[in-house]
Every structure is written in structure tokens, then in C-alpha cells.
Protein backbone atom coordinates (compact mmCIF):
# COMPACT_ATOMS: atom_id res chain seq x y z
CA MET A 1 81.98 -6.54 -21.51
CA GLY A 2 84.35 -8.12 -18.74
CA THR A 3 86.89 -5.78 -17.17
CA TRP A 4 89.83 -6.42 -14.80
CA LEU A 5 87.58 -5.82 -12.10
CA THR A 6 84.92 -8.29 -13.03
CA GLU A 7 87.44 -11.36 -13.88
CA LYS A 8 89.28 -10.88 -10.94
CA PHE A 9 86.19 -11.01 -8.55
CA GLY A 10 83.95 -13.13 -10.74
CA LEU A 11 81.28 -9.78 -10.47
CA THR A 12 78.22 -9.47 -13.08
CA VAL A 13 78.39 -5.35 -12.65
CA PRO A 14 81.63 -3.50 -12.63
CA VAL A 15 80.82 -1.90 -9.48
CA VAL A 16 82.70 -1.66 -5.74
CA GLY A 17 80.16 -0.60 -2.76
CA ALA A 18 82.08 1.95 -1.42
CA PRO A 19 82.79 1.42 2.41
CA MET A 20 80.82 4.04 4.46
CA ALA A 21 80.85 3.94 7.99
CA ASN A 22 77.74 3.67 9.91
CA VAL A 23 75.95 2.61 6.62
CA SER A 24 78.08 -0.19 5.19
CA GLY A 25 77.59 -3.22 7.63
CA GLY A 26 77.40 -6.96 6.57
CA ARG A 27 74.12 -6.88 5.58
CA LEU A 28 74.53 -4.35 2.67
CA THR A 29 77.89 -5.42 2.05
CA ALA A 30 76.79 -9.12 1.27
CA ALA A 31 73.44 -7.89 -0.81
CA ILE A 32 76.03 -5.69 -2.98
CA SER A 33 77.93 -9.01 -3.54
CA ALA A 34 75.16 -10.99 -3.98
CA ALA A 35 73.64 -8.88 -6.56
CA GLY A 36 76.63 -9.21 -8.72
CA GLY A 37 79.01 -6.02 -7.28
CA LEU A 38 81.52 -6.48 -4.75
CA GLY A 39 80.06 -4.78 -1.33
CA MET A 40 82.70 -3.55 1.39
CA LEU A 41 82.12 -3.27 4.78
CA GLY A 42 82.65 0.58 6.20
CA ALA A 43 84.95 -0.27 9.33
CA GLY A 44 85.21 3.50 11.09
CA SER A 45 87.70 4.36 13.57
CA ALA A 46 85.14 4.00 16.18
CA VAL A 47 84.33 0.42 15.56
CA THR A 48 85.69 -2.40 17.79
CA ALA A 49 87.28 -5.27 16.01
CA ASP A 50 84.99 -7.66 16.73
CA TRP A 51 82.57 -5.55 15.06
CA ILE A 52 84.88 -6.05 12.32
CA ARG A 53 84.79 -9.76 12.42
CA THR A 54 80.80 -10.03 13.50
CA GLU A 55 79.75 -8.34 10.66
CA GLY A 56 82.53 -9.42 8.30
CA ALA A 57 80.85 -12.70 8.86
CA ILE A 58 77.85 -11.55 8.02
CA ALA A 59 79.34 -10.32 4.43
CA ALA A 60 80.97 -13.85 3.87
CA ALA A 61 78.11 -15.54 4.72
CA SER A 62 76.86 -16.15 0.92
CA GLY A 63 80.12 -17.15 -0.27
CA LYS A 64 80.49 -14.31 -2.66
CA PRO A 65 83.67 -11.82 -2.64
CA TYR A 66 83.27 -8.94 -0.20
CA GLY A 67 85.90 -6.44 0.90
CA VAL A 68 86.44 -4.04 4.05
CA GLY A 69 87.37 -0.26 4.29
CA LEU A 70 90.28 0.77 6.41
CA MET A 71 92.00 4.34 6.90
CA ALA A 72 95.54 4.44 7.66
CA TRP A 73 95.36 6.95 10.11
CA SER A 74 93.12 5.27 12.29
CA VAL A 75 94.67 1.89 12.08
CA ALA A 76 97.97 3.31 13.28
CA ASP A 77 96.02 3.71 16.32
CA ARG A 78 93.97 0.95 16.09
CA PRO A 79 96.27 -1.89 15.03
CA GLU A 80 93.32 -4.34 16.13
CA HIS A 81 91.47 -3.41 13.19
CA LEU A 82 94.31 -4.71 11.01
CA GLU A 83 94.55 -7.91 12.82
CA ALA A 84 90.54 -8.64 12.32
CA VAL A 85 90.88 -8.09 8.65
CA LEU A 86 93.68 -10.40 8.29
CA GLU A 87 91.68 -12.80 10.13
CA LEU A 88 88.63 -12.49 7.84
CA ARG A 89 90.87 -12.64 4.76
CA PRO A 90 88.12 -10.66 2.39
CA ALA A 91 88.66 -10.54 -1.25
CA LEU A 92 89.57 -6.85 -1.06
CA VAL A 93 91.11 -4.16 1.33
CA SER A 94 90.76 -0.59 0.44
CA LEU A 95 93.28 1.46 2.63
CA SER A 96 93.27 5.22 2.21
CA PHE A 97 93.98 8.62 3.88
CA GLY A 98 97.14 8.39 5.66
CA ASP A 99 100.84 6.44 5.22
CA LEU A 100 99.66 2.55 4.37
CA THR A 101 102.98 1.68 3.31
CA PRO A 102 103.38 -0.40 6.62
CA TYR A 103 100.03 -2.27 5.89
CA VAL A 104 100.09 -3.56 2.25
CA GLU A 105 102.67 -6.04 2.21
CA PRO A 106 100.85 -7.74 5.62
CA LEU A 107 97.35 -7.76 3.17
CA GLN A 108 99.09 -9.11 -0.02
CA ALA A 109 100.69 -11.75 1.97
CA ALA A 110 97.36 -12.99 3.32
CA GLY A 111 96.09 -13.08 -0.72
CA ILE A 112 94.58 -9.83 -0.26
CA VAL A 113 93.83 -7.56 -3.04
CA VAL A 114 94.94 -4.13 -1.82
CA ALA A 115 93.56 -1.06 -3.03
CA MET A 116 93.71 2.75 -2.22
CA GLN A 117 91.51 6.09 -2.55
CA ALA A 118 93.76 9.01 -4.52
CA GLY A 119 92.64 12.08 -4.41
CA THR A 120 95.67 13.67 -6.27
CA VAL A 121 97.95 12.13 -8.62
CA ALA A 122 100.44 12.73 -5.77
CA ASP A 123 98.03 10.43 -3.82
CA ALA A 124 98.21 8.07 -6.52
CA GLN A 125 102.18 8.10 -7.06
CA GLN A 126 101.83 7.25 -3.09
CA GLY A 127 100.01 4.32 -3.65
CA ILE A 128 102.06 3.22 -6.31
CA ALA A 129 105.05 3.25 -4.54
CA ALA A 130 103.35 1.92 -1.42
CA GLY A 131 102.96 -1.61 -3.86
CA VAL A 132 98.93 -1.37 -3.77
CA ASP A 133 97.32 -3.58 -6.34
CA MET A 134 94.64 -1.17 -7.60
CA ILE A 135 93.79 2.84 -7.67
CA VAL A 136 90.27 4.63 -6.98
CA ALA A 137 90.60 7.86 -8.24
CA ARG A 138 88.34 9.51 -5.71
CA GLY A 139 87.07 12.52 -7.13
CA ALA A 140 85.96 15.91 -5.53
CA GLU A 141 82.08 14.72 -5.86
CA ALA A 142 82.22 11.96 -3.84
CA GLY A 143 80.43 11.63 -0.59
CA GLY A 144 82.51 10.82 2.62
CA HIS A 145 85.57 11.78 3.18
CA GLY A 146 88.56 12.69 0.90
CA ARG A 147 90.05 15.56 -0.88
CA ASN A 148 88.05 18.11 -2.63
CA GLU A 149 90.95 19.12 -5.26
CA VAL A 150 89.94 17.24 -8.50
CA GLY A 151 86.84 16.48 -10.45
CA THR A 152 86.37 12.83 -10.91
CA LEU A 153 86.63 12.83 -14.93
CA PRO A 154 90.13 14.83 -14.86
CA LEU A 155 91.39 12.79 -11.96
CA LEU A 156 90.54 9.60 -13.59
CA GLN A 157 92.19 10.65 -16.83
CA ALA A 158 95.43 11.84 -15.18
CA ILE A 159 95.55 8.58 -12.99
CA LEU A 160 95.03 6.42 -16.13
CA ASP A 161 98.13 7.95 -17.84
CA LEU A 162 100.09 7.32 -14.98
CA THR A 163 99.94 3.88 -14.02
CA ASP A 164 98.99 0.67 -15.70
CA LEU A 165 97.50 -0.49 -12.49
CA PRO A 166 93.77 -1.34 -12.60
CA VAL A 167 91.84 2.11 -11.59
CA LEU A 168 88.36 2.71 -10.41
CA ALA A 169 86.41 5.86 -10.57
CA GLY A 170 84.45 7.13 -7.73
CA GLY A 171 82.29 10.36 -7.27
CA GLY A 172 79.46 11.26 -8.74
CA ILE A 173 78.41 8.13 -10.40
CA SER A 174 74.96 8.20 -9.70
CA GLY A 175 73.20 5.74 -12.20
CA PRO A 176 74.53 3.88 -15.38
CA ARG A 177 74.94 6.57 -17.68
CA GLY A 178 77.84 7.71 -15.03
CA LEU A 179 79.34 4.02 -15.05
CA ALA A 180 78.86 4.20 -18.84
CA ALA A 181 81.32 7.18 -18.71
CA VAL A 182 83.90 5.96 -16.52
CA LEU A 183 84.29 2.86 -18.18
CA ALA A 184 84.53 4.11 -21.73
CA ALA A 185 87.25 6.39 -20.32
CA GLY A 186 89.23 3.15 -19.20
CA ALA A 187 88.07 2.49 -15.83
CA THR A 188 87.99 -1.18 -14.77
CA GLY A 189 84.71 -0.14 -12.47
CA GLY A 190 82.68 2.25 -10.47
CA TRP A 191 83.36 2.92 -6.59
CA ILE A 192 79.77 3.71 -5.68
CA GLY A 193 78.65 4.88 -2.37
CA THR A 194 75.90 6.90 -2.61
CA ALA A 195 73.37 5.31 -4.54
CA PHE A 196 73.23 2.85 -1.82
CA LEU A 197 72.34 5.44 1.00
CA THR A 198 68.63 4.60 0.93
CA ALA A 199 69.14 0.95 0.35
CA GLU A 200 66.77 -1.15 2.81
CA GLU A 201 70.15 -2.93 3.90
CA ALA A 202 71.85 0.01 4.72
CA LEU A 203 72.45 0.91 8.26
CA THR A 204 71.36 4.47 7.35
CA PRO A 205 68.65 5.68 10.05
CA GLU A 206 64.91 6.30 8.36
CA PRO A 207 65.25 10.34 9.25
CA SER A 208 68.20 10.34 7.34
CA LYS A 209 66.89 8.15 4.52
CA ARG A 210 63.90 11.12 4.21
CA ALA A 211 66.71 13.77 4.27
CA LEU A 212 68.44 12.32 1.45
CA ILE A 213 65.52 11.49 -0.97
CA GLU A 214 64.32 14.98 -0.39
CA ALA A 215 67.96 16.42 -1.43
CA ASP A 216 69.29 17.64 -4.67
CA GLU A 217 72.57 17.77 -6.21
CA THR A 218 73.26 21.13 -5.01
CA ALA A 219 72.62 19.60 -1.37
CA THR A 220 76.05 19.19 -0.37
CA VAL A 221 78.80 20.79 1.19
CA TYR A 222 82.48 19.80 1.49
CA GLY A 223 84.59 20.86 4.99
CA THR A 224 85.54 19.63 7.90
CA VAL A 225 82.48 21.09 10.80
CA PHE A 226 81.53 17.74 11.22
CA ASP A 227 85.01 16.10 12.06
CA ALA A 228 85.78 18.95 14.38
CA ALA A 229 82.68 18.29 16.51
CA SER A 230 82.80 14.43 16.61
CA ARG A 231 86.18 14.64 17.66
CA ALA A 232 87.32 11.18 15.80
CA GLY A 233 90.11 12.15 14.70
CA TRP A 234 90.28 12.77 10.92
CA PRO A 235 93.36 14.80 9.76
CA ASP A 236 92.50 18.05 8.42
CA GLU A 237 93.63 17.42 4.88
CA PHE A 238 90.99 14.81 4.59
CA GLY A 239 87.65 16.73 4.96
CA GLY A 240 84.22 15.30 4.29
CA ARG A 241 81.47 15.92 1.92
CA ALA A 242 78.02 15.65 3.45
CA LEU A 243 74.42 17.35 3.56
CA ARG A 244 74.73 20.92 4.62
CA ASN A 245 72.67 21.50 7.51
CA ALA A 246 71.75 24.14 10.37
CA TYR A 247 74.71 23.11 12.39
CA TYR A 248 76.98 23.15 9.83
CA ASP A 249 75.99 26.89 8.99
CA ARG A 250 76.32 27.90 12.40
CA TRP A 251 79.76 26.43 12.85
CA GLU A 252 81.33 26.91 9.36
CA GLY A 253 84.87 28.99 9.75
CA GLN A 254 84.83 28.27 13.29
CA GLU A 255 86.21 24.75 13.38
CA ALA A 256 89.32 25.45 15.06
CA ALA A 257 86.89 26.64 18.14
CA LEU A 258 84.53 23.87 17.99
CA LYS A 259 87.08 21.19 18.50
CA SER A 260 87.32 22.51 22.07
CA ASP A 261 84.15 23.29 22.67
CA ASP A 262 82.07 20.75 24.61
CA ALA A 263 78.89 22.34 24.00
CA GLY A 264 79.12 21.51 20.29
CA HIS A 265 80.43 18.51 20.63
CA ALA A 266 77.52 17.49 23.02
CA GLU A 267 75.03 18.93 20.68
CA TYR A 268 76.60 16.88 17.47
CA VAL A 269 76.99 13.41 19.69
CA ALA A 270 73.26 13.84 20.77
CA ALA A 271 72.15 14.45 17.58
CA THR A 272 74.22 11.62 15.70
CA LYS A 273 72.07 9.31 18.48
CA ALA A 274 68.59 11.10 17.60
CA ALA A 275 69.48 10.65 13.72
CA ASP A 276 68.58 14.60 13.70
CA PRO A 277 69.51 15.40 9.65
CA THR A 278 69.57 19.23 11.11
CA ALA A 279 72.63 18.39 13.26
CA ALA A 280 73.91 15.17 12.46
CA SER A 281 76.23 14.54 9.71
CA LEU A 282 75.13 12.65 6.76
CA TYR A 283 77.72 12.30 3.97
CA ALA A 284 76.88 11.59 0.92
CA GLY A 285 77.98 12.95 -2.82
CA GLN A 286 76.49 15.28 -5.41
CA GLY A 287 75.27 12.45 -6.68
CA VAL A 288 72.53 12.46 -3.89
CA GLY A 289 70.04 14.20 -6.49
CA ALA A 290 69.24 10.95 -7.76
CA LEU A 291 68.03 9.25 -4.75
CA ARG A 292 64.00 8.87 -5.14
CA LYS A 293 62.89 6.49 -2.70
CA THR A 294 64.41 3.49 -0.57
CA THR A 295 65.15 0.57 -2.44
CA THR A 296 67.16 -2.55 -2.44
CA ALA A 297 70.95 -3.15 -2.97
CA ALA A 298 69.64 -5.90 -5.76
CA ASP A 299 67.64 -2.99 -7.35
CA VAL A 300 70.51 -0.62 -7.54
CA LEU A 301 73.08 -3.22 -8.93
CA ALA A 302 70.26 -4.00 -11.70
CA ASP A 303 69.88 -0.22 -12.53
CA LEU A 304 73.70 -0.11 -12.90
CA ALA A 305 73.59 -3.03 -14.94
CA THR A 306 71.97 -0.95 -17.70
CA TYR A 307 74.92 0.60 -18.42
CA ARG A 308 76.07 -1.19 -21.77
CA THR A 309 72.85 0.15 -23.10
CA TYR A 310 74.64 3.45 -22.69
CA LEU A 311 78.32 2.05 -24.15
CA GLU A 312 76.24 0.31 -27.22
CA ARG A 313 74.73 3.68 -27.98
CA ALA A 314 78.16 5.46 -27.99
CA LEU A 315 79.53 2.50 -30.65
């Protein structure tokens, strides 16, 4: 049951571990790749180029293919992030959320496959025009940053009808049934993040893991409250899906004021340092309800690999 994704990167499971800032360090990235998927380093806007180099070296140590996720809007301000990635030469780079046109050709010239996350058909069209090699149909169910306009299955079908490029599906794929569903629809693989949040190798703090395990599928909310609080620079058009908490509820609808509220910012920063789930952002998708315990990346991949059973039943 090979796909373009498995054949291109030599994978045994058609899964890419979504690049998650503050979660997907070199250890998780390497563990996903070692278990048969393709791990990706989450290079958030706040990390240094040296962090990318150091964590990238950890990810590469096993000799398995891995990738790095970058935000186009951030690279525009932090070109050293792109320089570090070009030095590492990972197998895959995801460039999303902003104008990626200036960065596609240099990456491809270095022999790197370039993907982009699309939240709408218009996003996908822009990526195709920029010359990317692969599209990720990232639905509204997905955790972390992106758009909230279209669910995963409607978006996946529309993008598959749009292009002959390989298309991955991201958002709401919490286990082997979901992976089987998107593969049956024509995706070349799953772009999966939330399922790895409680992995032992993840950078997720223990209090956050407990909150994730206790959450159900209704526990997430989409918005820009945490971006306003963090002042990280995210464009307002790309909100984020995270666990709802008391801080979010207090500031929802007052995002403009929060951007300049120093006390609100300081509270958020302190909560983030303390890994306090009542005030810090904890990005997760609607598949969070499937998280039941702390596990390993290898266990998550082994479970996802049973997708074949569900495909066979459908035939």
C-alpha cells in the first residue's frame, strides 16, 4: 500500500509529523522518522538559528529523512532561519502562512522537497503558482495555526481536484481510521500533530500533557487571543486552535486591547514559563479527545500503521 510519500522518502507509514513549535524538537522528530514516518522540526519564530542547527543535528543523527517547518511571515524577518535550514539540507521543508515565493527556489536548488499548508483552495493555488512540490490540505479541525474556513475532507477533495501534485491531509486525523479515510480519498499521507503531543519525546511539559489527556473533542477553540498575548508577530488572518482555558475566556473579543495590555502580556508569559494550562496556550486539534495517556512516538506510529485493516475492510 505504498504512496508517493512513502516511496519518495522511504517510509513504512504514510505519516508526516506536523512541525509544532515548542513540541517538535530534534528528539521527537528523530523518533517519528525512526519509527517509519517522517518527523519534522517545529522551528517557531522565537527560536534562534543555532537552535535549528542543534535540533536539526539531533533529528538527522539516525540517518533517516526528516523535515523542518517554517513560517513564511517569520522567515521574512528572520532570514537566518532559512540559512540554517539550507545548511542542514533536510529532506522536506514546509513553508506556509505568508508569501513563500522567494524561498521555494533556493530550497529546491539545495535538493529539498518543498511543501506548503493550505487552508483554502486559494491558498493551494498560491502554493502551486510558487512552484511547491507538495500541498498539505490543512482543515479547520487541525491544531495550531492556520485557517478556520474549511473542514479537512471538503478541503482535501477540492485540492485533489485542483492539482496533480501530491496532497497530504491534516486536521482531525487522530488514529488509523482517520488515516485510512484520507488515503481512501486520494491523499498521499497524513499530516499529523495532535496525536504526538503527549509522546515521551515531545517538548510538551508534564502539566500540559495532563491537561491534554483530560480534554475531550469539544475542548478546543479557534482564535487569536494567545497571539495577541504573546506578541510573537502572527498575522491576524492565521488564528490558532488550542485548548480553551480561563485566560482565553477572559480576553475573547478583546484581542485588540490585549495587544497593548502589558499586564495581560506579562501574565501570559509567566503562565507559559510555568506551563500553567489555565493561562498558557496549549495548541491542539479536535482529535485531542483521542489522547488517553503518555506514550512514545513509536507507539503512535504503530497504531497508525493499522490503517491498512480499515482500508481492507472497505474493499
